[in-house]
Amino acid sequence: MGLRDTLAARIPHLYLVTFVNDAELAANTNHGVLRRFLTACDAAWAVWGGPEPDVTISARCAKTLLDNQGAFVHAPLWSLMLGAALEAIDPGHLQGAMIADVARQVGGLIYLTGIRTLKGITP
């Protein structure tokens, strides 16, 4: 078994996050100042990876792997290595990062507009 196969075996099944529940919104809102600061630094550092706004490195890694799900061995090596490391340190981190990023963005939407979701918007 090669390196890519070994790394791919450590990546769990991922799903696209299209909504967040109240508990996920509350969990994101209730993070302390230090956690919010570190998340902001993570999202700021992630701008070097692409133009997507307010997406952390972990969520970008998870989305890259999600796009290659079913054939993880064809995913970019950086995403396999980072994803396997994150999952080894914190099982469920990749899916959790996508959920947290969506919760943070929905929380901002609620704060700025009072609207929880925008209907009719498709990716």
N, C-alpha and C. Protein backbone atom coordinates (compact mmCIF):
# COMPACT_ATOMS: atom_id res chain seq x y z
N MET A 1 0.84 -1.17 0.00
CA MET A 1 0.00 0.00 0.00
C MET A 1 0.89 1.24 0.00
N GLY A 2 0.58 2.20 -0.88
CA GLY A 2 1.38 3.40 -1.00
C GLY A 2 0.98 4.48 0.00
N LEU A 3 1.71 5.58 -0.03
CA LEU A 3 1.47 6.69 0.87
C LEU A 3 0.06 7.25 0.69
N ARG A 4 -0.35 7.49 -0.55
CA ARG A 4 -1.69 8.03 -0.80
C ARG A 4 -2.78 7.10 -0.27
N ASP A 5 -2.62 5.80 -0.47
CA ASP A 5 -3.60 4.84 0.02
C ASP A 5 -3.68 4.85 1.55
N THR A 6 -2.54 4.93 2.20
CA THR A 6 -2.49 4.96 3.66
C THR A 6 -3.17 6.21 4.19
N LEU A 7 -2.88 7.36 3.59
CA LEU A 7 -3.49 8.61 4.02
C LEU A 7 -4.99 8.61 3.75
N ALA A 8 -5.38 8.14 2.57
CA ALA A 8 -6.79 8.12 2.19
C ALA A 8 -7.62 7.24 3.13
N ALA A 9 -7.02 6.18 3.65
CA ALA A 9 -7.72 5.28 4.55
C ALA A 9 -8.05 5.96 5.88
N ARG A 10 -7.39 7.04 6.19
CA ARG A 10 -7.62 7.75 7.46
C ARG A 10 -8.66 8.86 7.35
N ILE A 11 -9.16 9.12 6.15
CA ILE A 11 -10.14 10.18 5.92
C ILE A 11 -11.54 9.59 6.03
N PRO A 12 -12.39 10.13 6.91
CA PRO A 12 -13.74 9.60 7.04
C PRO A 12 -14.64 10.08 5.89
N HIS A 13 -15.83 9.50 5.82
CA HIS A 13 -16.82 9.96 4.85
C HIS A 13 -17.23 11.39 5.21
N LEU A 14 -17.24 12.27 4.25
CA LEU A 14 -17.60 13.66 4.47
C LEU A 14 -18.89 13.98 3.72
N TYR A 15 -19.65 14.95 4.21
CA TYR A 15 -20.87 15.37 3.52
C TYR A 15 -20.89 16.88 3.41
N LEU A 16 -21.56 17.36 2.38
CA LEU A 16 -21.69 18.79 2.14
C LEU A 16 -22.59 19.40 3.20
N VAL A 17 -22.18 20.49 3.79
CA VAL A 17 -22.96 21.17 4.82
C VAL A 17 -23.86 22.19 4.12
N THR A 18 -25.16 21.97 4.18
CA THR A 18 -26.11 22.87 3.53
C THR A 18 -27.00 23.58 4.54
N PHE A 19 -26.85 23.27 5.82
CA PHE A 19 -27.62 23.92 6.87
C PHE A 19 -26.89 23.72 8.18
N VAL A 20 -27.24 24.50 9.18
CA VAL A 20 -26.74 24.31 10.53
C VAL A 20 -27.94 24.39 11.47
N ASN A 21 -27.89 23.62 12.53
CA ASN A 21 -28.99 23.66 13.50
C ASN A 21 -28.69 24.68 14.60
N ASP A 22 -29.66 24.87 15.48
CA ASP A 22 -29.51 25.87 16.54
C ASP A 22 -28.34 25.57 17.48
N ALA A 23 -28.11 24.29 17.76
CA ALA A 23 -27.01 23.92 18.65
C ALA A 23 -25.66 24.26 18.02
N GLU A 24 -25.52 24.05 16.72
CA GLU A 24 -24.27 24.39 16.03
C GLU A 24 -24.06 25.90 15.98
N LEU A 25 -25.14 26.65 15.79
CA LEU A 25 -25.03 28.11 15.83
C LEU A 25 -24.63 28.58 17.21
N ALA A 26 -25.25 28.02 18.25
CA ALA A 26 -24.95 28.41 19.62
C ALA A 26 -23.50 28.05 19.98
N ALA A 27 -23.06 26.88 19.56
CA ALA A 27 -21.68 26.46 19.86
C ALA A 27 -20.69 27.44 19.25
N ASN A 28 -20.95 27.88 18.04
CA ASN A 28 -20.06 28.84 17.39
C ASN A 28 -20.11 30.20 18.08
N THR A 29 -21.27 30.63 18.48
CA THR A 29 -21.44 31.92 19.15
C THR A 29 -20.79 31.94 20.52
N ASN A 30 -20.80 30.80 21.21
CA ASN A 30 -20.33 30.75 22.59
C ASN A 30 -18.84 30.49 22.73
N HIS A 31 -18.10 30.42 21.64
CA HIS A 31 -16.65 30.25 21.74
C HIS A 31 -16.06 31.48 22.42
N GLY A 32 -15.02 31.26 23.18
CA GLY A 32 -14.35 32.35 23.86
C GLY A 32 -13.56 33.23 22.90
N VAL A 33 -13.06 34.32 23.44
CA VAL A 33 -12.33 35.30 22.65
C VAL A 33 -11.09 34.68 22.00
N LEU A 34 -10.34 33.89 22.74
CA LEU A 34 -9.13 33.29 22.20
C LEU A 34 -9.45 32.37 21.02
N ARG A 35 -10.47 31.54 21.15
CA ARG A 35 -10.86 30.63 20.06
C ARG A 35 -11.31 31.42 18.84
N ARG A 36 -12.08 32.48 19.04
CA ARG A 36 -12.52 33.31 17.90
C ARG A 36 -11.34 33.99 17.24
N PHE A 37 -10.38 34.45 18.03
CA PHE A 37 -9.19 35.08 17.48
C PHE A 37 -8.37 34.09 16.65
N LEU A 38 -8.16 32.89 17.19
CA LEU A 38 -7.39 31.88 16.45
C LEU A 38 -8.11 31.46 15.17
N THR A 39 -9.43 31.37 15.22
CA THR A 39 -10.20 31.04 14.01
C THR A 39 -10.06 32.15 12.97
N ALA A 40 -10.10 33.40 13.42
CA ALA A 40 -9.93 34.53 12.50
C ALA A 40 -8.53 34.51 11.87
N CYS A 41 -7.52 34.19 12.66
CA CYS A 41 -6.16 34.07 12.13
C CYS A 41 -6.08 32.94 11.10
N ASP A 42 -6.74 31.82 11.40
CA ASP A 42 -6.77 30.68 10.49
C ASP A 42 -7.43 31.09 9.17
N ALA A 43 -8.57 31.76 9.23
CA ALA A 43 -9.26 32.20 8.02
C ALA A 43 -8.43 33.23 7.26
N ALA A 44 -7.74 34.12 8.00
CA ALA A 44 -6.88 35.11 7.34
C ALA A 44 -5.72 34.43 6.62
N TRP A 45 -5.11 33.45 7.26
CA TRP A 45 -4.00 32.72 6.65
C TRP A 45 -4.49 31.95 5.42
N ALA A 46 -5.74 31.49 5.44
CA ALA A 46 -6.30 30.70 4.35
C ALA A 46 -6.49 31.50 3.07
N VAL A 47 -6.40 32.83 3.13
CA VAL A 47 -6.58 33.61 1.90
C VAL A 47 -5.50 33.27 0.88
N TRP A 48 -4.37 32.74 1.32
CA TRP A 48 -3.32 32.35 0.39
C TRP A 48 -3.73 31.14 -0.43
N GLY A 49 -4.74 30.38 0.05
CA GLY A 49 -5.17 29.17 -0.65
C GLY A 49 -6.20 29.41 -1.73
N GLY A 50 -6.88 30.56 -1.68
CA GLY A 50 -7.90 30.84 -2.69
C GLY A 50 -8.75 32.02 -2.30
N PRO A 51 -9.67 32.42 -3.18
CA PRO A 51 -10.45 33.63 -2.96
C PRO A 51 -11.71 33.45 -2.11
N GLU A 52 -11.98 32.24 -1.63
CA GLU A 52 -13.19 32.02 -0.87
C GLU A 52 -13.12 32.79 0.44
N PRO A 53 -14.18 33.54 0.79
CA PRO A 53 -14.15 34.36 2.00
C PRO A 53 -14.41 33.56 3.27
N ASP A 54 -13.71 33.90 4.33
CA ASP A 54 -13.95 33.38 5.67
C ASP A 54 -14.04 31.85 5.74
N VAL A 55 -13.10 31.19 5.09
CA VAL A 55 -13.02 29.73 5.12
C VAL A 55 -11.68 29.36 5.75
N THR A 56 -11.73 28.54 6.79
CA THR A 56 -10.49 28.15 7.47
C THR A 56 -9.72 27.12 6.64
N ILE A 57 -8.48 26.94 6.98
CA ILE A 57 -7.63 25.97 6.28
C ILE A 57 -8.21 24.57 6.42
N SER A 58 -8.70 24.23 7.60
CA SER A 58 -9.28 22.89 7.82
C SER A 58 -10.50 22.67 6.93
N ALA A 59 -11.36 23.68 6.82
CA ALA A 59 -12.56 23.55 5.99
C ALA A 59 -12.19 23.49 4.51
N ARG A 60 -11.18 24.25 4.11
CA ARG A 60 -10.72 24.19 2.71
C ARG A 60 -10.17 22.80 2.39
N CYS A 61 -9.43 22.23 3.34
CA CYS A 61 -8.90 20.88 3.19
C CYS A 61 -10.06 19.88 3.08
N ALA A 62 -11.04 20.02 3.97
CA ALA A 62 -12.20 19.11 3.96
C ALA A 62 -12.97 19.21 2.65
N LYS A 63 -13.16 20.43 2.14
CA LYS A 63 -13.90 20.61 0.88
C LYS A 63 -13.13 20.01 -0.28
N THR A 64 -11.82 20.16 -0.28
CA THR A 64 -11.00 19.55 -1.33
C THR A 64 -11.14 18.03 -1.30
N LEU A 65 -11.11 17.46 -0.10
CA LEU A 65 -11.27 16.01 0.03
C LEU A 65 -12.70 15.59 -0.34
N LEU A 66 -13.69 16.39 0.05
CA LEU A 66 -15.07 16.08 -0.30
C LEU A 66 -15.25 16.04 -1.82
N ASP A 67 -14.62 16.98 -2.51
CA ASP A 67 -14.70 17.01 -3.97
C ASP A 67 -14.08 15.76 -4.60
N ASN A 68 -13.19 15.09 -3.88
CA ASN A 68 -12.53 13.88 -4.38
C ASN A 68 -13.01 12.62 -3.66
N GLN A 69 -14.12 12.74 -2.93
CA GLN A 69 -14.61 11.59 -2.17
C GLN A 69 -14.95 10.44 -3.11
N GLY A 70 -14.65 9.26 -2.67
CA GLY A 70 -14.84 8.09 -3.51
C GLY A 70 -13.56 7.73 -4.25
N ALA A 71 -12.70 8.72 -4.36
CA ALA A 71 -11.40 8.51 -5.00
C ALA A 71 -10.39 9.39 -4.29
N PHE A 72 -10.33 9.27 -2.96
CA PHE A 72 -9.44 10.11 -2.16
C PHE A 72 -8.00 10.06 -2.65
N VAL A 73 -7.59 8.93 -3.20
CA VAL A 73 -6.19 8.80 -3.62
C VAL A 73 -5.86 9.78 -4.74
N HIS A 74 -6.89 10.35 -5.39
CA HIS A 74 -6.64 11.32 -6.46
C HIS A 74 -6.67 12.76 -5.95
N ALA A 75 -6.95 12.94 -4.67
CA ALA A 75 -6.95 14.28 -4.07
C ALA A 75 -5.52 14.81 -4.02
N PRO A 76 -5.35 16.13 -3.97
CA PRO A 76 -4.00 16.68 -3.84
C PRO A 76 -3.31 16.13 -2.60
N LEU A 77 -2.03 15.89 -2.71
CA LEU A 77 -1.28 15.29 -1.61
C LEU A 77 -1.34 16.15 -0.34
N TRP A 78 -1.30 17.48 -0.49
CA TRP A 78 -1.36 18.35 0.69
C TRP A 78 -2.64 18.11 1.47
N SER A 79 -3.77 17.91 0.77
CA SER A 79 -5.05 17.72 1.48
C SER A 79 -5.10 16.35 2.15
N LEU A 80 -4.51 15.35 1.53
CA LEU A 80 -4.46 14.02 2.15
C LEU A 80 -3.59 14.04 3.41
N MET A 81 -2.44 14.69 3.32
CA MET A 81 -1.54 14.73 4.47
C MET A 81 -2.14 15.55 5.61
N LEU A 82 -2.65 16.73 5.30
CA LEU A 82 -3.24 17.57 6.34
C LEU A 82 -4.50 16.94 6.90
N GLY A 83 -5.35 16.41 6.03
CA GLY A 83 -6.59 15.78 6.49
C GLY A 83 -6.34 14.59 7.39
N ALA A 84 -5.39 13.74 7.02
CA ALA A 84 -5.07 12.57 7.84
C ALA A 84 -4.50 13.00 9.18
N ALA A 85 -3.65 14.03 9.18
CA ALA A 85 -3.07 14.53 10.44
C ALA A 85 -4.15 15.12 11.34
N LEU A 86 -5.04 15.93 10.78
CA LEU A 86 -6.11 16.53 11.58
C LEU A 86 -7.03 15.47 12.17
N GLU A 87 -7.36 14.47 11.37
CA GLU A 87 -8.25 13.40 11.85
C GLU A 87 -7.56 12.54 12.91
N ALA A 88 -6.24 12.39 12.82
CA ALA A 88 -5.51 11.62 13.83
C ALA A 88 -5.49 12.37 15.16
N ILE A 89 -5.32 13.68 15.11
CA ILE A 89 -5.27 14.50 16.31
C ILE A 89 -6.65 14.69 16.91
N ASP A 90 -7.65 14.95 16.04
CA ASP A 90 -9.00 15.29 16.48
C ASP A 90 -10.00 14.61 15.55
N PRO A 91 -10.42 13.37 15.84
CA PRO A 91 -11.36 12.68 14.97
C PRO A 91 -12.63 13.52 14.75
N GLY A 92 -13.03 13.62 13.50
CA GLY A 92 -14.20 14.41 13.14
C GLY A 92 -13.89 15.87 12.84
N HIS A 93 -12.60 16.23 12.86
CA HIS A 93 -12.19 17.62 12.68
C HIS A 93 -12.60 18.16 11.31
N LEU A 94 -12.43 17.40 10.26
CA LEU A 94 -12.71 17.90 8.92
C LEU A 94 -14.18 18.27 8.75
N GLN A 95 -15.08 17.36 9.13
CA GLN A 95 -16.51 17.66 9.03
C GLN A 95 -16.87 18.79 9.97
N GLY A 96 -16.31 18.77 11.16
CA GLY A 96 -16.58 19.82 12.14
C GLY A 96 -16.13 21.19 11.66
N ALA A 97 -15.03 21.25 10.93
CA ALA A 97 -14.54 22.52 10.41
C ALA A 97 -15.51 23.10 9.38
N MET A 98 -16.04 22.24 8.53
CA MET A 98 -17.02 22.74 7.55
C MET A 98 -18.28 23.23 8.26
N ILE A 99 -18.73 22.48 9.26
CA ILE A 99 -19.93 22.89 10.01
C ILE A 99 -19.67 24.22 10.72
N ALA A 100 -18.52 24.35 11.36
CA ALA A 100 -18.20 25.58 12.09
C ALA A 100 -18.10 26.78 11.15
N ASP A 101 -17.52 26.60 9.97
CA ASP A 101 -17.40 27.70 9.02
C ASP A 101 -18.79 28.14 8.54
N VAL A 102 -19.66 27.18 8.24
CA VAL A 102 -21.02 27.52 7.81
C VAL A 102 -21.77 28.19 8.96
N ALA A 103 -21.62 27.67 10.18
CA ALA A 103 -22.30 28.27 11.34
C ALA A 103 -21.83 29.70 11.56
N ARG A 104 -20.54 29.95 11.39
CA ARG A 104 -20.01 31.30 11.56
C ARG A 104 -20.58 32.24 10.50
N GLN A 105 -20.70 31.76 9.27
CA GLN A 105 -21.24 32.59 8.20
C GLN A 105 -22.74 32.83 8.37
N VAL A 106 -23.48 31.80 8.78
CA VAL A 106 -24.91 31.98 9.04
C VAL A 106 -25.11 32.90 10.23
N GLY A 107 -24.26 32.77 11.26
CA GLY A 107 -24.33 33.67 12.41
C GLY A 107 -24.12 35.11 12.00
N GLY A 108 -23.19 35.36 11.11
CA GLY A 108 -22.96 36.71 10.59
C GLY A 108 -24.16 37.21 9.81
N LEU A 109 -24.76 36.33 9.04
CA LEU A 109 -25.96 36.69 8.28
C LEU A 109 -27.11 37.08 9.21
N ILE A 110 -27.29 36.29 10.26
CA ILE A 110 -28.35 36.60 11.23
C ILE A 110 -28.06 37.94 11.90
N TYR A 111 -26.83 38.15 12.29
CA TYR A 111 -26.45 39.39 12.98
C TYR A 111 -26.68 40.62 12.10
N LEU A 112 -26.28 40.54 10.85
CA LEU A 112 -26.34 41.70 9.97
C LEU A 112 -27.71 41.94 9.36
N THR A 113 -28.48 40.88 9.14
CA THR A 113 -29.74 41.04 8.42
C THR A 113 -30.96 40.60 9.22
N GLY A 114 -30.77 39.79 10.24
CA GLY A 114 -31.90 39.23 10.96
C GLY A 114 -32.51 38.04 10.25
N ILE A 115 -31.93 37.66 9.12
CA ILE A 115 -32.42 36.54 8.32
C ILE A 115 -31.48 35.36 8.52
N ARG A 116 -32.06 34.17 8.77
CA ARG A 116 -31.23 33.00 9.02
C ARG A 116 -30.65 32.42 7.74
N THR A 117 -31.42 32.37 6.69
CA THR A 117 -30.92 31.82 5.43
C THR A 117 -31.46 32.65 4.27
N LEU A 118 -30.79 32.54 3.16
CA LEU A 118 -31.27 33.17 1.93
C LEU A 118 -31.88 32.07 1.07
N LYS A 119 -33.16 32.13 0.84
CA LYS A 119 -33.82 31.10 0.04
C LYS A 119 -33.56 31.35 -1.45
N GLY A 120 -33.47 30.26 -2.18
CA GLY A 120 -33.29 30.37 -3.61
C GLY A 120 -31.84 30.49 -4.04
N ILE A 121 -30.91 30.51 -3.11
CA ILE A 121 -29.49 30.59 -3.45
C ILE A 121 -28.96 29.17 -3.62
N THR A 122 -28.33 28.90 -4.73
CA THR A 122 -27.73 27.59 -4.95
C THR A 122 -26.25 27.77 -5.21
N PRO A 123 -25.47 26.76 -4.82
CA PRO A 123 -24.02 26.88 -5.02
C PRO A 123 -23.63 26.86 -6.48
